[in-house]
Amino acid sequence: MQLTITGQHLDLTDALKSYVTEKLGRVDHYFDHVIDGHAVLRYMAHEKLSNSAEVTVHAPGHTFHAESEDQDMYAAIDLLADKLEAQVRSHKEKLTDRRNDHQVPLTAAAETD
């Protein structure tokens, strides 16, 4: 997955970039058709929960979006990754349920009676 990380009112360190890449890389474990993603990390000094993380991930036929806020940026990224992972897992389960939903033909059902 190609991931673009942007920081607003925040210096992006290599440690922060690698942490975001590692956490959002878990999405590939569930859904390997992800095209790209864009993460925005914000520091908002005037807010009670001053750190905000937001991500948008594009996959064929669907776009995933998640946001989170916390006092600690790393905690906000953890919450964000959990939300995104839940969305991707739910989407994948829907896809596999539709593929495995086989209906019994009427002739086979009549023969068993």
C-alpha atoms as a PDB file:
ATOM      1  CA  MET A   1       0.000   0.000   0.000  1.00  0.00           C
ATOM      2  CA  GLN A   2       1.277   3.430  -0.927  1.00  0.00           C
ATOM      3  CA  LEU A   3       0.830   5.652   2.140  1.00  0.00           C
ATOM      4  CA  THR A   4       1.189   9.426   2.222  1.00  0.00           C
ATOM      5  CA  ILE A   5       1.627  10.974   5.677  1.00  0.00           C
ATOM      6  CA  THR A   6       1.042  14.678   6.272  1.00  0.00           C
ATOM      7  CA  GLY A   7       1.539  16.668   9.468  1.00  0.00           C
ATOM      8  CA  GLN A   8      -0.311  19.876  10.290  1.00  0.00           C
ATOM      9  CA  HIS A   9       1.162  22.104  13.012  1.00  0.00           C
ATOM     10  CA  LEU A  10       3.425  19.187  13.807  1.00  0.00           C
ATOM     11  CA  ASP A  11       6.957  18.089  12.917  1.00  0.00           C
ATOM     12  CA  LEU A  12       6.828  14.594  11.462  1.00  0.00           C
ATOM     13  CA  THR A  13       9.705  12.592  12.872  1.00  0.00           C
ATOM     14  CA  ASP A  14      10.965   9.370  11.341  1.00  0.00           C
ATOM     15  CA  ALA A  15       9.734   7.485  14.407  1.00  0.00           C
ATOM     16  CA  LEU A  16       6.219   8.875  13.973  1.00  0.00           C
ATOM     17  CA  LYS A  17       6.187   8.059  10.256  1.00  0.00           C
ATOM     18  CA  SER A  18       7.368   4.495  10.827  1.00  0.00           C
ATOM     19  CA  TYR A  19       4.796   4.023  13.613  1.00  0.00           C
ATOM     20  CA  VAL A  20       1.955   5.130  11.326  1.00  0.00           C
ATOM     21  CA  THR A  21       3.241   2.919   8.507  1.00  0.00           C
ATOM     22  CA  GLU A  22       3.513  -0.070  10.835  1.00  0.00           C
ATOM     23  CA  LYS A  23       0.043   0.371  12.351  1.00  0.00           C
ATOM     24  CA  LEU A  24      -1.751   1.028   9.070  1.00  0.00           C
ATOM     25  CA  GLY A  25       0.153  -1.801   7.426  1.00  0.00           C
ATOM     26  CA  ARG A  26      -2.058  -4.191   9.393  1.00  0.00           C
ATOM     27  CA  VAL A  27      -4.807  -3.391   6.881  1.00  0.00           C
ATOM     28  CA  ASP A  28      -2.911  -5.391   4.257  1.00  0.00           C
ATOM     29  CA  HIS A  29      -3.276  -8.454   6.490  1.00  0.00           C
ATOM     30  CA  TYR A  30      -7.062  -8.394   6.084  1.00  0.00           C
ATOM     31  CA  PHE A  31      -7.536  -6.826   2.674  1.00  0.00           C
ATOM     32  CA  ASP A  32      -4.659  -6.975   0.215  1.00  0.00           C
ATOM     33  CA  HIS A  33      -6.339  -5.013  -2.569  1.00  0.00           C
ATOM     34  CA  VAL A  34      -5.682  -1.606  -1.007  1.00  0.00           C
ATOM     35  CA  ILE A  35      -4.538   0.918  -3.602  1.00  0.00           C
ATOM     36  CA  ASP A  36      -3.306   3.838  -1.530  1.00  0.00           C
ATOM     37  CA  GLY A  37      -3.856   5.790   1.666  1.00  0.00           C
ATOM     38  CA  HIS A  38      -3.470   9.293   3.004  1.00  0.00           C
ATOM     39  CA  ALA A  39      -2.900   9.954   6.707  1.00  0.00           C
ATOM     40  CA  VAL A  40      -3.109  13.402   8.299  1.00  0.00           C
ATOM     41  CA  LEU A  41      -1.721  14.004  11.785  1.00  0.00           C
ATOM     42  CA  ARG A  42      -2.712  17.270  13.461  1.00  0.00           C
ATOM     43  CA  TYR A  43      -1.734  19.105  16.599  1.00  0.00           C
ATOM     44  CA  MET A  44      -4.520  21.414  17.792  1.00  0.00           C
ATOM     45  CA  ALA A  45      -3.340  23.498  20.726  1.00  0.00           C
ATOM     46  CA  HIS A  46      -6.765  24.993  21.448  1.00  0.00           C
ATOM     47  CA  GLU A  47      -8.536  21.630  21.899  1.00  0.00           C
ATOM     48  CA  LYS A  48      -8.793  19.472  25.018  1.00  0.00           C
ATOM     49  CA  LEU A  49      -7.777  16.366  23.050  1.00  0.00           C
ATOM     50  CA  SER A  50      -4.975  18.118  21.245  1.00  0.00           C
ATOM     51  CA  ASN A  51      -3.785  15.390  18.858  1.00  0.00           C
ATOM     52  CA  SER A  52      -5.857  14.239  15.935  1.00  0.00           C
ATOM     53  CA  ALA A  53      -5.216  11.499  13.384  1.00  0.00           C
ATOM     54  CA  GLU A  54      -7.213  10.906  10.214  1.00  0.00           C
ATOM     55  CA  VAL A  55      -6.779   8.410   7.391  1.00  0.00           C
ATOM     56  CA  THR A  56      -8.473   7.719   4.074  1.00  0.00           C
ATOM     57  CA  VAL A  57      -7.711   4.443   2.315  1.00  0.00           C
ATOM     58  CA  HIS A  58      -8.822   3.646  -1.222  1.00  0.00           C
ATOM     59  CA  ALA A  59      -9.579   0.102  -2.359  1.00  0.00           C
ATOM     60  CA  PRO A  60     -11.313  -1.064  -5.534  1.00  0.00           C
ATOM     61  CA  GLY A  61     -14.987  -0.220  -5.130  1.00  0.00           C
ATOM     62  CA  HIS A  62     -14.727   1.203  -1.609  1.00  0.00           C
ATOM     63  CA  THR A  63     -13.143   4.029   0.363  1.00  0.00           C
ATOM     64  CA  PHE A  64     -12.396   3.656   4.074  1.00  0.00           C
ATOM     65  CA  HIS A  65     -12.128   6.677   6.375  1.00  0.00           C
ATOM     66  CA  ALA A  66     -11.366   6.891  10.095  1.00  0.00           C
ATOM     67  CA  GLU A  67     -10.606   9.664  12.580  1.00  0.00           C
ATOM     68  CA  SER A  68      -9.466   9.717  16.196  1.00  0.00           C
ATOM     69  CA  GLU A  69      -8.369  12.196  18.836  1.00  0.00           C
ATOM     70  CA  ASP A  70      -6.337  11.792  22.013  1.00  0.00           C
ATOM     71  CA  GLN A  71      -3.911  13.602  24.297  1.00  0.00           C
ATOM     72  CA  ASP A  72      -1.059  11.423  23.029  1.00  0.00           C
ATOM     73  CA  MET A  73      -0.377  11.189  19.279  1.00  0.00           C
ATOM     74  CA  TYR A  74       0.644   7.547  19.492  1.00  0.00           C
ATOM     75  CA  ALA A  75      -2.603   6.687  21.290  1.00  0.00           C
ATOM     76  CA  ALA A  76      -4.567   8.555  18.600  1.00  0.00           C
ATOM     77  CA  ILE A  77      -2.783   6.515  15.922  1.00  0.00           C
ATOM     78  CA  ASP A  78      -3.587   3.282  17.793  1.00  0.00           C
ATOM     79  CA  LEU A  79      -7.285   4.210  17.964  1.00  0.00           C
ATOM     80  CA  LEU A  80      -7.235   5.150  14.296  1.00  0.00           C
ATOM     81  CA  ALA A  81      -5.651   1.854  13.284  1.00  0.00           C
ATOM     82  CA  ASP A  82      -8.229  -0.102  15.319  1.00  0.00           C
ATOM     83  CA  LYS A  83     -11.142   1.760  13.709  1.00  0.00           C
ATOM     84  CA  LEU A  84      -9.758   1.298  10.227  1.00  0.00           C
ATOM     85  CA  GLU A  85      -9.018  -2.369  10.837  1.00  0.00           C
ATOM     86  CA  ALA A  86     -12.598  -2.932  12.032  1.00  0.00           C
ATOM     87  CA  GLN A  87     -13.992  -1.285   8.893  1.00  0.00           C
ATOM     88  CA  VAL A  88     -11.781  -3.333   6.591  1.00  0.00           C
ATOM     89  CA  ARG A  89     -12.558  -6.571   8.440  1.00  0.00           C
ATOM     90  CA  SER A  90     -16.297  -5.875   8.247  1.00  0.00           C
ATOM     91  CA  HIS A  91     -16.065  -5.102   4.528  1.00  0.00           C
ATOM     92  CA  LYS A  92     -14.087  -8.273   3.855  1.00  0.00           C
ATOM     93  CA  GLU A  93     -16.603 -10.372   5.801  1.00  0.00           C
ATOM     94  CA  LYS A  94     -19.436  -8.914   3.735  1.00  0.00           C
ATOM     95  CA  LEU A  95     -17.606  -9.787   0.525  1.00  0.00           C
ATOM     96  CA  THR A  96     -16.878 -13.357   1.584  1.00  0.00           C
ATOM     97  CA  ASP A  97     -20.438 -13.884   2.865  1.00  0.00           C
ATOM     98  CA  ARG A  98     -21.865 -12.869  -0.497  1.00  0.00           C
ATOM     99  CA  ARG A  99     -19.520 -15.163  -2.380  1.00  0.00           C
ATOM    100  CA  ASN A 100     -20.319 -18.174  -0.200  1.00  0.00           C
ATOM    101  CA  ASP A 101     -24.079 -17.678  -0.174  1.00  0.00           C
ATOM    102  CA  HIS A 102     -25.092 -20.623  -2.343  1.00  0.00           C
ATOM    103  CA  GLN A 103     -28.745 -21.290  -2.834  1.00  0.00           C
ATOM    104  CA  VAL A 104     -29.992 -24.831  -3.275  1.00  0.00           C
ATOM    105  CA  PRO A 105     -31.572 -25.330  -6.719  1.00  0.00           C
ATOM    106  CA  LEU A 106     -35.299 -26.089  -6.672  1.00  0.00           C
ATOM    107  CA  THR A 107     -34.836 -29.482  -8.363  1.00  0.00           C
ATOM    108  CA  ALA A 108     -32.390 -30.643  -5.688  1.00  0.00           C
ATOM    109  CA  ALA A 109     -34.725 -29.446  -2.925  1.00  0.00           C
ATOM    110  CA  ALA A 110     -37.675 -31.307  -4.506  1.00  0.00           C
ATOM    111  CA  GLU A 111     -35.685 -34.547  -4.776  1.00  0.00           C
ATOM    112  CA  THR A 112     -34.831 -34.554  -1.066  1.00  0.00           C
ATOM    113  CA  ASP A 113     -38.497 -34.329  -0.002  1.00  0.00           C
END
